[in-house]
N, C-alpha and C. Protein backbone atom coordinates (compact mmCIF):
# COMPACT_ATOMS: atom_id res chain seq x y z
N MET A 1 24.79 16.99 12.92
CA MET A 1 24.77 15.94 11.65
C MET A 1 23.76 15.34 11.24
N PRO A 2 23.35 15.51 10.19
CA PRO A 2 21.86 14.79 9.88
C PRO A 2 21.67 13.27 10.08
N PHE A 3 20.68 12.76 10.24
CA PHE A 3 20.55 11.39 10.16
C PHE A 3 19.60 10.91 8.88
N TYR A 4 20.31 9.81 8.25
CA TYR A 4 19.47 9.05 7.15
C TYR A 4 19.33 8.11 7.01
N PHE A 5 18.15 7.62 6.68
CA PHE A 5 17.79 5.97 6.97
C PHE A 5 17.26 5.59 5.61
N CYS A 6 17.17 4.27 4.86
CA CYS A 6 16.40 4.10 3.89
C CYS A 6 16.09 2.71 4.20
N VAL A 7 14.61 2.50 3.58
CA VAL A 7 13.88 1.31 3.74
C VAL A 7 14.17 0.60 2.87
N TRP A 8 14.54 -1.02 2.91
CA TRP A 8 15.17 -1.35 1.68
C TRP A 8 13.90 -2.50 1.39
N ASN A 9 12.79 -1.41 0.43
CA ASN A 9 11.95 -2.56 -0.31
C ASN A 9 12.24 -2.83 -1.85
N GLU A 10 11.24 -3.11 -2.21
CA GLU A 10 11.74 -3.62 -3.82
C GLU A 10 11.98 -2.67 -4.66
N ALA A 11 11.37 -1.40 -4.58
CA ALA A 11 11.41 -0.28 -5.38
C ALA A 11 12.98 0.41 -5.31
N ASN A 12 13.22 0.38 -3.91
CA ASN A 12 14.37 1.09 -3.54
C ASN A 12 15.63 0.18 -4.02
N ILE A 13 15.67 -0.98 -3.87
CA ILE A 13 16.93 -2.21 -4.47
C ILE A 13 16.89 -1.87 -5.81
N ASN A 14 15.67 -2.06 -6.58
CA ASN A 14 15.59 -2.12 -8.05
C ASN A 14 16.32 -0.53 -8.38
N ARG A 15 15.85 0.35 -7.88
CA ARG A 15 16.68 1.67 -7.96
C ARG A 15 18.20 1.65 -8.20
N ILE A 16 18.85 1.05 -6.93
CA ILE A 16 20.34 0.92 -6.94
C ILE A 16 20.76 0.03 -7.76
N VAL A 17 20.05 -0.86 -8.19
CA VAL A 17 20.74 -2.00 -9.23
C VAL A 17 20.72 -1.04 -10.51
N GLN A 18 19.84 -0.13 -10.68
CA GLN A 18 19.74 0.45 -11.94
C GLN A 18 20.96 1.26 -12.26
N HIS A 19 21.62 1.77 -11.27
CA HIS A 19 22.80 2.11 -11.15
C HIS A 19 24.15 1.44 -10.77
N ASP A 20 23.79 -0.07 -10.76
CA ASP A 20 25.00 -0.61 -10.58
C ASP A 20 25.66 -0.40 -9.20
N VAL A 21 24.81 -0.36 -8.07
CA VAL A 21 25.49 0.23 -6.74
C VAL A 21 24.69 -1.06 -5.88
N THR A 22 25.59 -1.33 -5.07
CA THR A 22 25.19 -2.27 -4.03
C THR A 22 24.20 -1.56 -2.57
N LYS A 23 23.96 -2.51 -1.71
CA LYS A 23 23.52 -1.91 -0.42
C LYS A 23 24.50 -1.34 0.45
N ASP A 24 25.62 -2.00 0.24
CA ASP A 24 26.82 -1.55 1.21
C ASP A 24 27.35 -0.22 0.68
N GLU A 25 27.43 -0.19 -0.53
CA GLU A 25 28.14 0.92 -1.38
C GLU A 25 27.15 2.32 -1.00
N PHE A 26 25.56 2.06 -1.22
CA PHE A 26 24.82 3.15 -0.97
C PHE A 26 24.94 3.49 0.51
N GLU A 27 24.78 2.66 1.53
CA GLU A 27 24.81 2.97 2.94
C GLU A 27 26.01 3.60 3.16
N GLU A 28 27.42 2.93 2.75
CA GLU A 28 28.49 3.92 2.87
C GLU A 28 28.64 5.30 2.58
N VAL A 29 28.34 5.56 1.52
CA VAL A 29 28.02 7.02 0.91
C VAL A 29 27.27 7.82 1.62
N VAL A 30 25.85 6.97 1.76
CA VAL A 30 24.73 7.91 2.44
C VAL A 30 25.37 8.20 3.89
N GLY A 31 26.35 7.19 4.65
CA GLY A 31 26.54 7.24 6.05
C GLY A 31 27.61 8.67 6.37
N ASP A 32 28.34 8.80 5.28
CA ASP A 32 29.76 9.60 5.25
C ASP A 32 29.75 10.34 3.74
N PRO A 33 28.59 10.89 3.66
CA PRO A 33 28.77 11.53 2.20
C PRO A 33 30.01 12.92 1.99
N GLU A 34 30.19 13.03 0.62
CA GLU A 34 31.48 14.06 0.59
C GLU A 34 30.71 15.09 0.44
N SER A 35 29.66 15.41 -0.47
CA SER A 35 28.59 16.66 -0.16
C SER A 35 26.84 16.24 -0.48
N THR A 36 26.13 17.17 0.08
CA THR A 36 24.78 17.04 -0.65
C THR A 36 24.35 18.13 -0.89
N GLU A 37 23.11 17.97 -1.81
CA GLU A 37 22.35 18.84 -2.32
C GLU A 37 20.98 18.49 -2.59
N GLN A 38 20.11 19.13 -3.19
CA GLN A 38 18.67 18.86 -3.13
C GLN A 38 18.19 18.65 -4.77
N SER A 39 17.53 17.46 -4.77
CA SER A 39 17.45 16.89 -6.43
C SER A 39 16.38 18.15 -6.55
N TYR A 40 16.54 18.46 -8.16
CA TYR A 40 15.47 19.62 -8.87
C TYR A 40 14.29 18.58 -8.86
N SER A 41 14.30 17.67 -9.41
CA SER A 41 13.05 16.85 -9.41
C SER A 41 12.25 16.45 -8.57
N SER A 42 12.91 15.74 -7.37
CA SER A 42 11.89 15.23 -6.22
C SER A 42 11.98 16.37 -5.28
N GLU A 43 12.96 17.15 -4.97
CA GLU A 43 13.42 18.00 -4.32
C GLU A 43 13.88 17.26 -2.43
N ARG A 44 14.53 15.87 -2.90
CA ARG A 44 14.92 15.31 -1.80
C ARG A 44 16.50 15.42 -1.87
N GLN A 45 17.11 15.08 -0.87
CA GLN A 45 18.01 15.46 -0.30
C GLN A 45 19.08 14.07 -1.12
N ILE A 46 20.00 14.68 -1.79
CA ILE A 46 21.02 13.88 -2.66
C ILE A 46 22.34 13.62 -2.02
N ALA A 47 22.81 12.31 -1.73
CA ALA A 47 24.01 12.32 -0.80
C ALA A 47 25.08 11.91 -2.09
N MET A 48 26.38 12.57 -2.19
CA MET A 48 27.31 11.97 -3.30
C MET A 48 28.54 11.85 -2.40
N GLY A 49 29.35 11.10 -2.76
CA GLY A 49 30.82 10.61 -2.58
C GLY A 49 31.09 9.18 -3.17
N MET A 50 32.52 9.15 -2.73
CA MET A 50 32.93 7.82 -3.04
C MET A 50 32.96 6.81 -2.09
N THR A 51 33.41 5.56 -2.48
CA THR A 51 33.02 4.49 -1.57
C THR A 51 34.91 4.15 -1.25
N ALA A 52 34.84 3.42 -0.19
CA ALA A 52 36.47 2.97 0.14
C ALA A 52 37.21 2.31 -1.17
N THR A 53 36.49 1.64 -2.00
CA THR A 53 37.25 1.29 -3.04
C THR A 53 37.00 1.90 -4.45
N GLY A 54 36.82 3.41 -4.30
CA GLY A 54 36.60 4.30 -5.32
C GLY A 54 35.75 4.17 -6.14
N ARG A 55 34.70 3.55 -5.63
CA ARG A 55 33.56 3.53 -6.74
C ARG A 55 32.50 5.05 -6.35
């Protein structure tokens, strides 16, 4: 299982805020994604899934 981490700098916080996502929600999905794929634009991994609250 891959290991992911995020550096919580201003740019990353602003990015998730644009999508109405909290740090806790982000970490929950990245920590146990339902699926992953590669971004077409950045070629970075994308984690997808739902939180325990259904978001």
